[in-house]
Amino acid sequence: QVQLVESGGGLVQAGGSLRLSCVASGSIYSINVMAWYRRVPGRQRELVVTITSGGRGNYARSVLGRFTISRANAKNTVYLQMNSLKPNNTTVYYCNVDAADESDYWGQGTHVTVSS
């Protein structure tokens, strides 16, 4: 059984910062790409950013320059540093992991609320 546990969400004022974390545990094969998605109206989830096992990030244009993804491979952990947050960043953020055996896993989501 593989579990992804996210943390770090919460309430912050506009312009503030939050750091999300996601830890993968259980019988998970070697992890390839890790990613953060978020819930958006009209779509189930929108891709925010991905990171390869080598540490290369690929960002959605809307977060480029404000969000930074990183990972600790030895800990099966991925982070999302979110700076200069805006009220329209308010939503649920989900962690996603693609394993080398092509398995795909999701976290339960963590709520981020940005007040104006």
PDB file of N, CA and C in Angstrom:
ATOM      1  N   GLN A   1       0.843  -1.184   0.000  1.00  0.00           N
ATOM      2  CA  GLN A   1       0.000   0.000   0.000  1.00  0.00           C
ATOM      3  C   GLN A   1       0.879   1.235   0.000  1.00  0.00           C
ATOM      4  N   VAL A   2       0.621   2.123  -0.932  1.00  0.00           N
ATOM      5  CA  VAL A   2       1.392   3.356  -1.042  1.00  0.00           C
ATOM      6  C   VAL A   2       0.532   4.512  -0.551  1.00  0.00           C
ATOM      7  N   GLN A   3       1.146   5.363   0.224  1.00  0.00           N
ATOM      8  CA  GLN A   3       0.449   6.556   0.705  1.00  0.00           C
ATOM      9  C   GLN A   3       1.243   7.801   0.388  1.00  0.00           C
ATOM     10  N   LEU A   4       0.543   8.841  -0.016  1.00  0.00           N
ATOM     11  CA  LEU A   4       1.136  10.160  -0.151  1.00  0.00           C
ATOM     12  C   LEU A   4       0.451  11.053   0.872  1.00  0.00           C
ATOM     13  N   VAL A   5       1.249  11.669   1.701  1.00  0.00           N
ATOM     14  CA  VAL A   5       0.692  12.522   2.749  1.00  0.00           C
ATOM     15  C   VAL A   5       1.206  13.935   2.558  1.00  0.00           C
ATOM     16  N   GLU A   6       0.260  14.837   2.294  1.00  0.00           N
ATOM     17  CA  GLU A   6       0.620  16.236   2.107  1.00  0.00           C
ATOM     18  C   GLU A   6       0.459  17.002   3.415  1.00  0.00           C
ATOM     19  N   SER A   7       1.215  18.060   3.540  1.00  0.00           N
ATOM     20  CA  SER A   7       1.080  18.951   4.687  1.00  0.00           C
ATOM     21  C   SER A   7       1.546  20.337   4.276  1.00  0.00           C
ATOM     22  N   GLY A   8       1.268  21.310   5.151  1.00  0.00           N
ATOM     23  CA  GLY A   8       1.753  22.660   4.911  1.00  0.00           C
ATOM     24  C   GLY A   8       0.709  23.640   4.427  1.00  0.00           C
ATOM     25  N   GLY A   9      -0.466  23.157   4.102  1.00  0.00           N
ATOM     26  CA  GLY A   9      -1.512  24.075   3.678  1.00  0.00           C
ATOM     27  C   GLY A   9      -2.018  24.893   4.858  1.00  0.00           C
ATOM     28  N   GLY A  10      -2.824  25.900   4.547  1.00  0.00           N
ATOM     29  CA  GLY A  10      -3.365  26.727   5.608  1.00  0.00           C
ATOM     30  C   GLY A  10      -3.851  28.054   5.079  1.00  0.00           C
ATOM     31  N   LEU A  11      -3.992  28.984   6.000  1.00  0.00           N
ATOM     32  CA  LEU A  11      -4.485  30.323   5.679  1.00  0.00           C
ATOM     33  C   LEU A  11      -3.330  31.307   5.702  1.00  0.00           C
ATOM     34  N   VAL A  12      -3.257  32.122   4.670  1.00  0.00           N
ATOM     35  CA  VAL A  12      -2.188  33.118   4.588  1.00  0.00           C
ATOM     36  C   VAL A  12      -2.749  34.357   3.913  1.00  0.00           C
ATOM     37  N   GLN A  13      -2.188  35.494   4.233  1.00  0.00           N
ATOM     38  CA  GLN A  13      -2.613  36.731   3.577  1.00  0.00           C
ATOM     39  C   GLN A  13      -1.981  36.842   2.196  1.00  0.00           C
ATOM     40  N   ALA A  14      -2.630  37.583   1.338  1.00  0.00           N
ATOM     41  CA  ALA A  14      -2.083  37.834   0.008  1.00  0.00           C
ATOM     42  C   ALA A  14      -0.674  38.413   0.124  1.00  0.00           C
ATOM     43  N   GLY A  15       0.205  37.899  -0.707  1.00  0.00           N
ATOM     44  CA  GLY A  15       1.597  38.308  -0.649  1.00  0.00           C
ATOM     45  C   GLY A  15       2.451  37.432   0.239  1.00  0.00           C
ATOM     46  N   GLY A  16       1.806  36.578   1.008  1.00  0.00           N
ATOM     47  CA  GLY A  16       2.523  35.701   1.922  1.00  0.00           C
ATOM     48  C   GLY A  16       3.024  34.439   1.256  1.00  0.00           C
ATOM     49  N   SER A  17       3.558  33.540   2.072  1.00  0.00           N
ATOM     50  CA  SER A  17       4.180  32.317   1.572  1.00  0.00           C
ATOM     51  C   SER A  17       3.698  31.103   2.349  1.00  0.00           C
ATOM     52  N   LEU A  18       3.721  29.993   1.680  1.00  0.00           N
ATOM     53  CA  LEU A  18       3.486  28.695   2.299  1.00  0.00           C
ATOM     54  C   LEU A  18       4.421  27.679   1.659  1.00  0.00           C
ATOM     55  N   ARG A  19       4.746  26.660   2.425  1.00  0.00           N
ATOM     56  CA  ARG A  19       5.546  25.570   1.890  1.00  0.00           C
ATOM     57  C   ARG A  19       4.794  24.265   2.080  1.00  0.00           C
ATOM     58  N   LEU A  20       4.464  23.632   0.976  1.00  0.00           N
ATOM     59  CA  LEU A  20       3.782  22.352   1.019  1.00  0.00           C
ATOM     60  C   LEU A  20       4.813  21.229   0.964  1.00  0.00           C
ATOM     61  N   SER A  21       4.487  20.148   1.647  1.00  0.00           N
ATOM     62  CA  SER A  21       5.330  18.957   1.618  1.00  0.00           C
ATOM     63  C   SER A  21       4.476  17.751   1.285  1.00  0.00           C
ATOM     64  N   CYS A  22       5.093  16.770   0.674  1.00  0.00           N
ATOM     65  CA  CYS A  22       4.401  15.516   0.363  1.00  0.00           C
ATOM     66  C   CYS A  22       5.394  14.382   0.520  1.00  0.00           C
ATOM     67  N   VAL A  23       5.042  13.447   1.387  1.00  0.00           N
ATOM     68  CA  VAL A  23       5.892  12.295   1.640  1.00  0.00           C
ATOM     69  C   VAL A  23       5.222  11.045   1.110  1.00  0.00           C
ATOM     70  N   ALA A  24       5.950  10.298   0.308  1.00  0.00           N
ATOM     71  CA  ALA A  24       5.464   9.020  -0.215  1.00  0.00           C
ATOM     72  C   ALA A  24       6.010   7.894   0.646  1.00  0.00           C
ATOM     73  N   SER A  25       5.140   7.005   1.061  1.00  0.00           N
ATOM     74  CA  SER A  25       5.577   5.881   1.882  1.00  0.00           C
ATOM     75  C   SER A  25       4.887   4.616   1.410  1.00  0.00           C
ATOM     76  N   GLY A  26       5.439   3.489   1.870  1.00  0.00           N
ATOM     77  CA  GLY A  26       4.857   2.212   1.493  1.00  0.00           C
ATOM     78  C   GLY A  26       5.695   1.507   0.441  1.00  0.00           C
ATOM     79  N   SER A  27       5.103   0.543  -0.196  1.00  0.00           N
ATOM     80  CA  SER A  27       5.809  -0.277  -1.183  1.00  0.00           C
ATOM     81  C   SER A  27       5.793   0.420  -2.537  1.00  0.00           C
ATOM     82  N   ILE A  28       6.575   1.452  -2.644  1.00  0.00           N
ATOM     83  CA  ILE A  28       6.600   2.221  -3.878  1.00  0.00           C
ATOM     84  C   ILE A  28       7.890   1.940  -4.615  1.00  0.00           C
ATOM     85  N   TYR A  29       7.742   1.670  -5.882  1.00  0.00           N
ATOM     86  CA  TYR A  29       8.896   1.408  -6.722  1.00  0.00           C
ATOM     87  C   TYR A  29       9.624   2.720  -6.940  1.00  0.00           C
ATOM     88  N   SER A  30      10.726   2.683  -7.565  1.00  0.00           N
ATOM     89  CA  SER A  30      11.534   3.873  -7.799  1.00  0.00           C
ATOM     90  C   SER A  30      10.678   4.995  -8.401  1.00  0.00           C
ATOM     91  N   ILE A  31      10.781   6.175  -7.830  1.00  0.00           N
ATOM     92  CA  ILE A  31       9.949   7.302  -8.252  1.00  0.00           C
ATOM     93  C   ILE A  31      10.605   8.047  -9.404  1.00  0.00           C
ATOM     94  N   ASN A  32       9.827   8.306 -10.416  1.00  0.00           N
ATOM     95  CA  ASN A  32      10.300   9.136 -11.520  1.00  0.00           C
ATOM     96  C   ASN A  32       9.877  10.585 -11.297  1.00  0.00           C
ATOM     97  N   VAL A  33       8.769  10.957 -11.861  1.00  0.00           N
ATOM     98  CA  VAL A  33       8.315  12.345 -11.793  1.00  0.00           C
ATOM     99  C   VAL A  33       7.406  12.549 -10.581  1.00  0.00           C
ATOM    100  N   MET A  34       7.635  13.658  -9.906  1.00  0.00           N
ATOM    101  CA  MET A  34       6.748  14.092  -8.826  1.00  0.00           C
ATOM    102  C   MET A  34       6.128  15.412  -9.263  1.00  0.00           C
ATOM    103  N   ALA A  35       4.932  15.663  -8.786  1.00  0.00           N
ATOM    104  CA  ALA A  35       4.233  16.847  -9.286  1.00  0.00           C
ATOM    105  C   ALA A  35       3.249  17.378  -8.255  1.00  0.00           C
ATOM    106  N   TRP A  36       2.878  18.614  -8.475  1.00  0.00           N
ATOM    107  CA  TRP A  36       1.796  19.234  -7.722  1.00  0.00           C
ATOM    108  C   TRP A  36       0.708  19.660  -8.703  1.00  0.00           C
ATOM    109  N   TYR A  37      -0.507  19.348  -8.343  1.00  0.00           N
ATOM    110  CA  TYR A  37      -1.690  19.770  -9.090  1.00  0.00           C
ATOM    111  C   TYR A  37      -2.562  20.574  -8.141  1.00  0.00           C
ATOM    112  N   ARG A  38      -3.553  21.251  -8.721  1.00  0.00           N
ATOM    113  CA  ARG A  38      -4.525  21.938  -7.878  1.00  0.00           C
ATOM    114  C   ARG A  38      -5.903  21.848  -8.521  1.00  0.00           C
ATOM    115  N   ARG A  39      -6.888  21.929  -7.684  1.00  0.00           N
ATOM    116  CA  ARG A  39      -8.268  21.863  -8.151  1.00  0.00           C
ATOM    117  C   ARG A  39      -8.660  23.215  -8.721  1.00  0.00           C
ATOM    118  N   VAL A  40      -9.315  23.190  -9.859  1.00  0.00           N
ATOM    119  CA  VAL A  40      -9.808  24.418 -10.467  1.00  0.00           C
ATOM    120  C   VAL A  40     -11.251  24.211 -10.904  1.00  0.00           C
ATOM    121  N   PRO A  41     -12.047  25.278 -10.901  1.00  0.00           N
ATOM    122  CA  PRO A  41     -13.444  25.154 -11.337  1.00  0.00           C
ATOM    123  C   PRO A  41     -13.530  24.675 -12.781  1.00  0.00           C
ATOM    124  N   GLY A  42     -14.414  23.756 -13.040  1.00  0.00           N
ATOM    125  CA  GLY A  42     -14.612  23.291 -14.410  1.00  0.00           C
ATOM    126  C   GLY A  42     -13.675  22.179 -14.830  1.00  0.00           C
ATOM    127  N   ARG A  43     -12.627  21.965 -14.074  1.00  0.00           N
ATOM    128  CA  ARG A  43     -11.704  20.868 -14.349  1.00  0.00           C
ATOM    129  C   ARG A  43     -11.392  20.178 -13.048  1.00  0.00           C
ATOM    130  N   GLN A  44     -11.097  18.926 -13.119  1.00  0.00           N
ATOM    131  CA  GLN A  44     -10.823  18.216 -11.884  1.00  0.00           C
ATOM    132  C   GLN A  44      -9.542  18.715 -11.241  1.00  0.00           C
ATOM    133  N   ARG A  45      -8.471  18.712 -12.028  1.00  0.00           N
ATOM    134  CA  ARG A  45      -7.193  19.160 -11.495  1.00  0.00           C
ATOM    135  C   ARG A  45      -6.371  19.818 -12.586  1.00  0.00           C
ATOM    136  N   GLU A  46      -5.594  20.799 -12.177  1.00  0.00           N
ATOM    137  CA  GLU A  46      -4.717  21.513 -13.102  1.00  0.00           C
ATOM    138  C   GLU A  46      -3.276  21.285 -12.669  1.00  0.00           C
ATOM    139  N   LEU A  47      -2.416  21.028 -13.621  1.00  0.00           N
ATOM    140  CA  LEU A  47      -1.015  20.823 -13.302  1.00  0.00           C
ATOM    141  C   LEU A  47      -0.374  22.149 -12.908  1.00  0.00           C
ATOM    142  N   VAL A  48       0.321  22.142 -11.785  1.00  0.00           N
ATOM    143  CA  VAL A  48       1.032  23.331 -11.318  1.00  0.00           C
ATOM    144  C   VAL A  48       2.504  23.237 -11.712  1.00  0.00           C
ATOM    145  N   VAL A  49       3.116  22.107 -11.368  1.00  0.00           N
ATOM    146  CA  VAL A  49       4.535  21.959 -11.633  1.00  0.00           C
ATOM    147  C   VAL A  49       4.917  20.489 -11.510  1.00  0.00           C
ATOM    148  N   THR A  50       5.907  20.087 -12.306  1.00  0.00           N
ATOM    149  CA  THR A  50       6.486  18.751 -12.180  1.00  0.00           C
ATOM    150  C   THR A  50       7.974  18.869 -11.897  1.00  0.00           C
ATOM    151  N   ILE A  51       8.532  17.797 -11.371  1.00  0.00           N
ATOM    152  CA  ILE A  51       9.972  17.747 -11.156  1.00  0.00           C
ATOM    153  C   ILE A  51      10.457  16.344 -11.467  1.00  0.00           C
ATOM    154  N   THR A  52      11.524  16.262 -12.248  1.00  0.00           N
ATOM    155  CA  THR A  52      12.083  14.963 -12.598  1.00  0.00           C
ATOM    156  C   THR A  52      12.950  14.441 -11.460  1.00  0.00           C
ATOM    157  N   SER A  53      13.377  13.198 -11.597  1.00  0.00           N
ATOM    158  CA  SER A  53      14.252  12.627 -10.584  1.00  0.00           C
ATOM    159  C   SER A  53      15.578  13.366 -10.520  1.00  0.00           C
ATOM    160  N   GLY A  54      15.940  14.011 -11.606  1.00  0.00           N
ATOM    161  CA  GLY A  54      17.177  14.786 -11.635  1.00  0.00           C
ATOM    162  C   GLY A  54      17.028  16.204 -11.121  1.00  0.00           C
ATOM    163  N   GLY A  55      15.793  16.585 -10.757  1.00  0.00           N
ATOM    164  CA  GLY A  55      15.582  17.894 -10.158  1.00  0.00           C
ATOM    165  C   GLY A  55      15.156  18.989 -11.116  1.00  0.00           C
ATOM    166  N   ARG A  56      14.808  18.636 -12.322  1.00  0.00           N
ATOM    167  CA  ARG A  56      14.395  19.652 -13.283  1.00  0.00           C
ATOM    168  C   ARG A  56      12.910  19.935 -13.132  1.00  0.00           C
ATOM    169  N   GLY A  57      12.569  21.193 -12.895  1.00  0.00           N
ATOM    170  CA  GLY A  57      11.188  21.594 -12.714  1.00  0.00           C
ATOM    171  C   GLY A  57      10.593  22.149 -13.999  1.00  0.00           C
ATOM    172  N   ASN A  58       9.305  21.929 -14.146  1.00  0.00           N
ATOM    173  CA  ASN A  58       8.572  22.457 -15.297  1.00  0.00           C
ATOM    174  C   ASN A  58       7.291  23.079 -14.754  1.00  0.00           C
ATOM    175  N   TYR A  59       7.156  24.395 -14.878  1.00  0.00           N
ATOM    176  CA  TYR A  59       6.118  25.146 -14.188  1.00  0.00           C
ATOM    177  C   TYR A  59       5.007  25.611 -15.124  1.00  0.00           C
ATOM    178  N   ALA A  60       3.825  25.663 -14.583  1.00  0.00           N
ATOM    179  CA  ALA A  60       2.747  26.357 -15.265  1.00  0.00           C
ATOM    180  C   ALA A  60       3.096  27.838 -15.320  1.00  0.00           C
ATOM    181  N   ARG A  61       2.708  28.479 -16.386  1.00  0.00           N
ATOM    182  CA  ARG A  61       3.094  29.883 -16.576  1.00  0.00           C
ATOM    183  C   ARG A  61       2.572  30.766 -15.441  1.00  0.00           C
ATOM    184  N   SER A  62       1.428  30.421 -14.909  1.00  0.00           N
ATOM    185  CA  SER A  62       0.811  31.266 -13.890  1.00  0.00           C
ATOM    186  C   SER A  62       1.581  31.296 -12.575  1.00  0.00           C
ATOM    187  N   VAL A  63       2.448  30.329 -12.348  1.00  0.00           N
ATOM    188  CA  VAL A  63       3.183  30.284 -11.078  1.00  0.00           C
ATOM    189  C   VAL A  63       4.674  30.508 -11.263  1.00  0.00           C
ATOM    190  N   LEU A  64       5.106  30.622 -12.482  1.00  0.00           N
ATOM    191  CA  LEU A  64       6.527  30.790 -12.772  1.00  0.00           C
ATOM    192  C   LEU A  64       7.064  32.034 -12.078  1.00  0.00           C
ATOM    193  N   GLY A  65       8.144  31.842 -11.359  1.00  0.00           N
ATOM    194  CA  GLY A  65       8.755  32.955 -10.647  1.00  0.00           C
ATOM    195  C   GLY A  65       8.249  33.133  -9.227  1.00  0.00           C
ATOM    196  N   ARG A  66       7.129  32.497  -8.900  1.00  0.00           N
ATOM    197  CA  ARG A  66       6.580  32.611  -7.542  1.00  0.00           C
ATOM    198  C   ARG A  66       6.640  31.294  -6.781  1.00  0.00           C
ATOM    199  N   PHE A  67       6.482  30.194  -7.478  1.00  0.00           N
ATOM    200  CA  PHE A  67       6.503  28.873  -6.854  1.00  0.00           C
ATOM    201  C   PHE A  67       7.802  28.170  -7.217  1.00  0.00           C
ATOM    202  N   THR A  68       8.305  27.385  -6.276  1.00  0.00           N
ATOM    203  CA  THR A  68       9.517  26.599  -6.510  1.00  0.00           C
ATOM    204  C   THR A  68       9.310  25.183  -6.010  1.00  0.00           C
ATOM    205  N   ILE A  69       9.549  24.230  -6.888  1.00  0.00           N
ATOM    206  CA  ILE A  69       9.437  22.826  -6.505  1.00  0.00           C
ATOM    207  C   ILE A  69      10.829  22.277  -6.214  1.00  0.00           C
ATOM    208  N   SER A  70      10.891  21.368  -5.266  1.00  0.00           N
ATOM    209  CA  SER A  70      12.143  20.675  -4.966  1.00  0.00           C
ATOM    210  C   SER A  70      11.790  19.294  -4.427  1.00  0.00           C
ATOM    211  N   ARG A  71      12.782  18.433  -4.358  1.00  0.00           N
ATOM    212  CA  ARG A  71      12.519  17.092  -3.865  1.00  0.00           C
ATOM    213  C   ARG A  71      13.733  16.548  -3.138  1.00  0.00           C
ATOM    214  N   ALA A  72      13.472  15.648  -2.208  1.00  0.00           N
ATOM    215  CA  ALA A  72      14.517  14.927  -1.494  1.00  0.00           C
ATOM    216  C   ALA A  72      14.314  13.458  -1.827  1.00  0.00           C
ATOM    217  N   ASN A  73      15.081  12.979  -2.769  1.00  0.00           N
ATOM    218  CA  ASN A  73      14.864  11.622  -3.281  1.00  0.00           C
ATOM    219  C   ASN A  73      15.020  10.559  -2.189  1.00  0.00           C
ATOM    220  N   ALA A  74      15.984  10.761  -1.313  1.00  0.00           N
ATOM    221  CA  ALA A  74      16.225   9.770  -0.267  1.00  0.00           C
ATOM    222  C   ALA A  74      15.051   9.678   0.702  1.00  0.00           C
ATOM    223  N   LYS A  75      14.259  10.725   0.756  1.00  0.00           N
ATOM    224  CA  LYS A  75      13.112  10.755   1.665  1.00  0.00           C
ATOM    225  C   LYS A  75      11.793  10.581   0.926  1.00  0.00           C
ATOM    226  N   ASN A  76      11.836  10.348  -0.386  1.00  0.00           N
ATOM    227  CA  ASN A  76      10.613  10.248  -1.186  1.00  0.00           C
ATOM    228  C   ASN A  76       9.676  11.423  -0.913  1.00  0.00           C
ATOM    229  N   THR A  77      10.266  12.586  -0.873  1.00  0.00           N
ATOM    230  CA  THR A  77       9.520  13.783  -0.491  1.00  0.00           C
ATOM    231  C   THR A  77       9.651  14.855  -1.565  1.00  0.00           C
ATOM    232  N   VAL A  78       8.550  15.552  -1.798  1.00  0.00           N
ATOM    233  CA  VAL A  78       8.548  16.680  -2.715  1.00  0.00           C
ATOM    234  C   VAL A  78       7.976  17.885  -1.976  1.00  0.00           C
ATOM    235  N   TYR A  79       8.521  19.034  -2.294  1.00  0.00           N
ATOM    236  CA  TYR A  79       8.122  20.276  -1.645  1.00  0.00           C
ATOM    237  C   TYR A  79       7.629  21.274  -2.692  1.00  0.00           C
ATOM    238  N   LEU A  80       6.798  22.182  -2.246  1.00  0.00           N
ATOM    239  CA  LEU A  80       6.377  23.292  -3.093  1.00  0.00           C
ATOM    240  C   LEU A  80       6.421  24.563  -2.262  1.00  0.00           C
ATOM    241  N   GLN A  81       7.394  25.398  -2.554  1.00  0.00           N
ATOM    242  CA  GLN A  81       7.484  26.696  -1.907  1.00  0.00           C
ATOM    243  C   GLN A  81       6.664  27.689  -2.712  1.00  0.00           C
ATOM    244  N   MET A  82       5.669  28.278  -2.070  1.00  0.00           N
ATOM    245  CA  MET A  82       4.776  29.201  -2.756  1.00  0.00           C
ATOM    246  C   MET A  82       4.939  30.590  -2.155  1.00  0.00           C
ATOM    247  N   ASN A  83       5.424  31.500  -2.957  1.00  0.00           N
ATOM    248  CA  ASN A  83       5.637  32.879  -2.532  1.00  0.00           C
ATOM    249  C   ASN A  83       4.696  33.821  -3.273  1.00  0.00           C
ATOM    250  N   SER A  84       4.564  35.015  -2.749  1.00  0.00           N
ATOM    251  CA  SER A  84       3.718  36.032  -3.381  1.00  0.00           C
ATOM    252  C   SER A  84       2.341  35.469  -3.719  1.00  0.00           C
ATOM    253  N   LEU A  85       1.756  34.820  -2.753  1.00  0.00           N
ATOM    254  CA  LEU A  85       0.479  34.166  -2.992  1.00  0.00           C
ATOM    255  C   LEU A  85      -0.631  35.187  -3.255  1.00  0.00           C
ATOM    256  N   LYS A  86      -1.552  34.772  -4.098  1.00  0.00           N
ATOM    257  CA  LYS A  86      -2.678  35.616  -4.487  1.00  0.00           C
ATOM    258  C   LYS A  86      -3.983  34.945  -4.067  1.00  0.00           C
ATOM    259  N   PRO A  87      -5.037  35.721  -3.866  1.00  0.00           N
ATOM    260  CA  PRO A  87      -6.322  35.102  -3.506  1.00  0.00           C
ATOM    261  C   PRO A  87      -6.774  34.032  -4.500  1.00  0.00           C
ATOM    262  N   ASN A  88      -6.471  34.204  -5.778  1.00  0.00           N
ATOM    263  CA  ASN A  88      -6.904  33.193  -6.748  1.00  0.00           C
ATOM    264  C   ASN A  88      -6.052  31.933  -6.713  1.00  0.00           C
ATOM    265  N   ASN A  89      -5.065  31.878  -5.831  1.00  0.00           N
ATOM    266  CA  ASN A  89      -4.330  30.641  -5.582  1.00  0.00           C
ATOM    267  C   ASN A  89      -5.048  29.761  -4.556  1.00  0.00           C
ATOM    268  N   THR A  90      -6.142  30.273  -4.025  1.00  0.00           N
ATOM    269  CA  THR A  90      -6.912  29.512  -3.046  1.00  0.00           C
ATOM    270  C   THR A  90      -7.552  28.305  -3.706  1.00  0.00           C
ATOM    271  N   THR A  91      -7.218  27.132  -3.207  1.00  0.00           N
ATOM    272  CA  THR A  91      -7.789  25.898  -3.693  1.00  0.00           C
ATOM    273  C   THR A  91      -7.156  24.729  -2.941  1.00  0.00           C
ATOM    274  N   VAL A  92      -7.430  23.525  -3.407  1.00  0.00           N
ATOM    275  CA  VAL A  92      -6.817  22.331  -2.854  1.00  0.00           C
ATOM    276  C   VAL A  92      -5.644  21.925  -3.742  1.00  0.00           C
ATOM    277  N   TYR A  93      -4.518  21.672  -3.130  1.00  0.00           N
ATOM    278  CA  TYR A  93      -3.316  21.260  -3.846  1.00  0.00           C
ATOM    279  C   TYR A  93      -3.075  19.775  -3.599  1.00  0.00           C
ATOM    280  N   TYR A  94      -2.756  19.062  -4.680  1.00  0.00           N
ATOM    281  CA  TYR A  94      -2.564  17.623  -4.626  1.00  0.00           C
ATOM    282  C   TYR A  94      -1.150  17.250  -5.061  1.00  0.00           C
ATOM    283  N   CYS A  95      -0.599  16.296  -4.386  1.00  0.00           N
ATOM    284  CA  CYS A  95       0.689  15.720  -4.748  1.00  0.00           C
ATOM    285  C   CYS A  95       0.445  14.512  -5.656  1.00  0.00           C
ATOM    286  N   ASN A  96       1.308  14.343  -6.631  1.00  0.00           N
ATOM    287  CA  ASN A  96       1.220  13.207  -7.544  1.00  0.00           C
ATOM    288  C   ASN A  96       2.604  12.616  -7.755  1.00  0.00           C
ATOM    289  N   VAL A  97       2.644  11.297  -7.807  1.00  0.00           N
ATOM    290  CA  VAL A  97       3.917  10.597  -7.998  1.00  0.00           C
ATOM    291  C   VAL A  97       3.755   9.559  -9.096  1.00  0.00           C
ATOM    292  N   ASP A  98       4.677   9.575 -10.037  1.00  0.00           N
ATOM    293  CA  ASP A  98       4.754   8.528 -11.060  1.00  0.00           C
ATOM    294  C   ASP A  98       5.955   7.649 -10.738  1.00  0.00           C
ATOM    295  N   ALA A  99       5.689   6.368 -10.557  1.00  0.00           N
ATOM    296  CA  ALA A  99       6.775   5.454 -10.238  1.00  0.00           C
ATOM    297  C   ALA A  99       7.350   4.850 -11.521  1.00  0.00           C
ATOM    298  N   ALA A 100       8.522   4.265 -11.379  1.00  0.00           N
ATOM    299  CA  ALA A 100       9.214   3.710 -12.539  1.00  0.00           C
ATOM    300  C   ALA A 100       8.468   2.527 -13.144  1.00  0.00           C
ATOM    301  N   ASP A 101       7.610   1.885 -12.362  1.00  0.00           N
ATOM    302  CA  ASP A 101       6.816   0.783 -12.905  1.00  0.00           C
ATOM    303  C   ASP A 101       5.504   1.278 -13.490  1.00  0.00           C
ATOM    304  N   GLU A 102       5.416   2.591 -13.726  1.00  0.00           N
ATOM    305  CA  GLU A 102       4.266   3.257 -14.342  1.00  0.00           C
ATOM    306  C   GLU A 102       3.057   3.337 -13.425  1.00  0.00           C
ATOM    307  N   SER A 103       3.235   3.042 -12.152  1.00  0.00           N
ATOM    308  CA  SER A 103       2.153   3.279 -11.198  1.00  0.00           C
ATOM    309  C   SER A 103       2.036   4.775 -10.937  1.00  0.00           C
ATOM    310  N   ASP A 104       0.823   5.184 -10.610  1.00  0.00           N
ATOM    311  CA  ASP A 104       0.530   6.606 -10.427  1.00  0.00           C
ATOM    312  C   ASP A 104      -0.218   6.767  -9.113  1.00  0.00           C
ATOM    313  N   TYR A 105       0.243   7.684  -8.279  1.00  0.00           N
ATOM    314  CA  TYR A 105      -0.337   7.833  -6.954  1.00  0.00           C
ATOM    315  C   TYR A 105      -0.698   9.282  -6.684  1.00  0.00           C
ATOM    316  N   TRP A 106      -1.744   9.453  -5.856  1.00  0.00           N
ATOM    317  CA  TRP A 106      -2.216  10.789  -5.494  1.00  0.00           C
ATOM    318  C   TRP A 106      -2.323  10.928  -3.979  1.00  0.00           C
ATOM    319  N   GLY A 107      -2.060  12.132  -3.524  1.00  0.00           N
ATOM    320  CA  GLY A 107      -2.322  12.447  -2.131  1.00  0.00           C
ATOM    321  C   GLY A 107      -3.764  12.854  -1.949  1.00  0.00           C
ATOM    322  N   GLN A 108      -4.129  13.112  -0.701  1.00  0.00           N
ATOM    323  CA  GLN A 108      -5.505  13.437  -0.384  1.00  0.00           C
ATOM    324  C   GLN A 108      -5.817  14.919  -0.577  1.00  0.00           C
ATOM    325  N   GLY A 109      -4.800  15.711  -0.749  1.00  0.00           N
ATOM    326  CA  GLY A 109      -4.977  17.141  -0.962  1.00  0.00           C
ATOM    327  C   GLY A 109      -4.772  17.939   0.310  1.00  0.00           C
ATOM    328  N   THR A 110      -4.268  19.135   0.141  1.00  0.00           N
ATOM    329  CA  THR A 110      -4.108  20.052   1.264  1.00  0.00           C
ATOM    330  C   THR A 110      -4.679  21.407   0.853  1.00  0.00           C
ATOM    331  N   HIS A 111      -5.433  22.013   1.764  1.00  0.00           N
ATOM    332  CA  HIS A 111      -6.134  23.240   1.454  1.00  0.00           C
ATOM    333  C   HIS A 111      -5.234  24.454   1.643  1.00  0.00           C
ATOM    334  N   VAL A 112      -5.281  25.319   0.660  1.00  0.00           N
ATOM    335  CA  VAL A 112      -4.576  26.598   0.743  1.00  0.00           C
ATOM    336  C   VAL A 112      -5.612  27.701   0.581  1.00  0.00           C
ATOM    337  N   THR A 113      -5.618  28.616   1.530  1.00  0.00           N
ATOM    338  CA  THR A 113      -6.532  29.748   1.469  1.00  0.00           C
ATOM    339  C   THR A 113      -5.722  31.029   1.574  1.00  0.00           C
ATOM    340  N   VAL A 114      -5.891  31.889   0.587  1.00  0.00           N
ATOM    341  CA  VAL A 114      -5.177  33.158   0.554  1.00  0.00           C
ATOM    342  C   VAL A 114      -6.204  34.277   0.684  1.00  0.00           C
ATOM    343  N   SER A 115      -6.094  35.024   1.760  1.00  0.00           N
ATOM    344  CA  SER A 115      -7.044  36.106   2.010  1.00  0.00           C
ATOM    345  C   SER A 115      -6.537  37.407   1.407  1.00  0.00           C
ATOM    346  N   SER A 116      -7.487  38.239   1.016  1.00  0.00           N
ATOM    347  CA  SER A 116      -7.103  39.513   0.399  1.00  0.00           C
ATOM    348  C   SER A 116      -6.969  40.608   1.436  1.00  0.00           C
TER     349      SER A 116
END
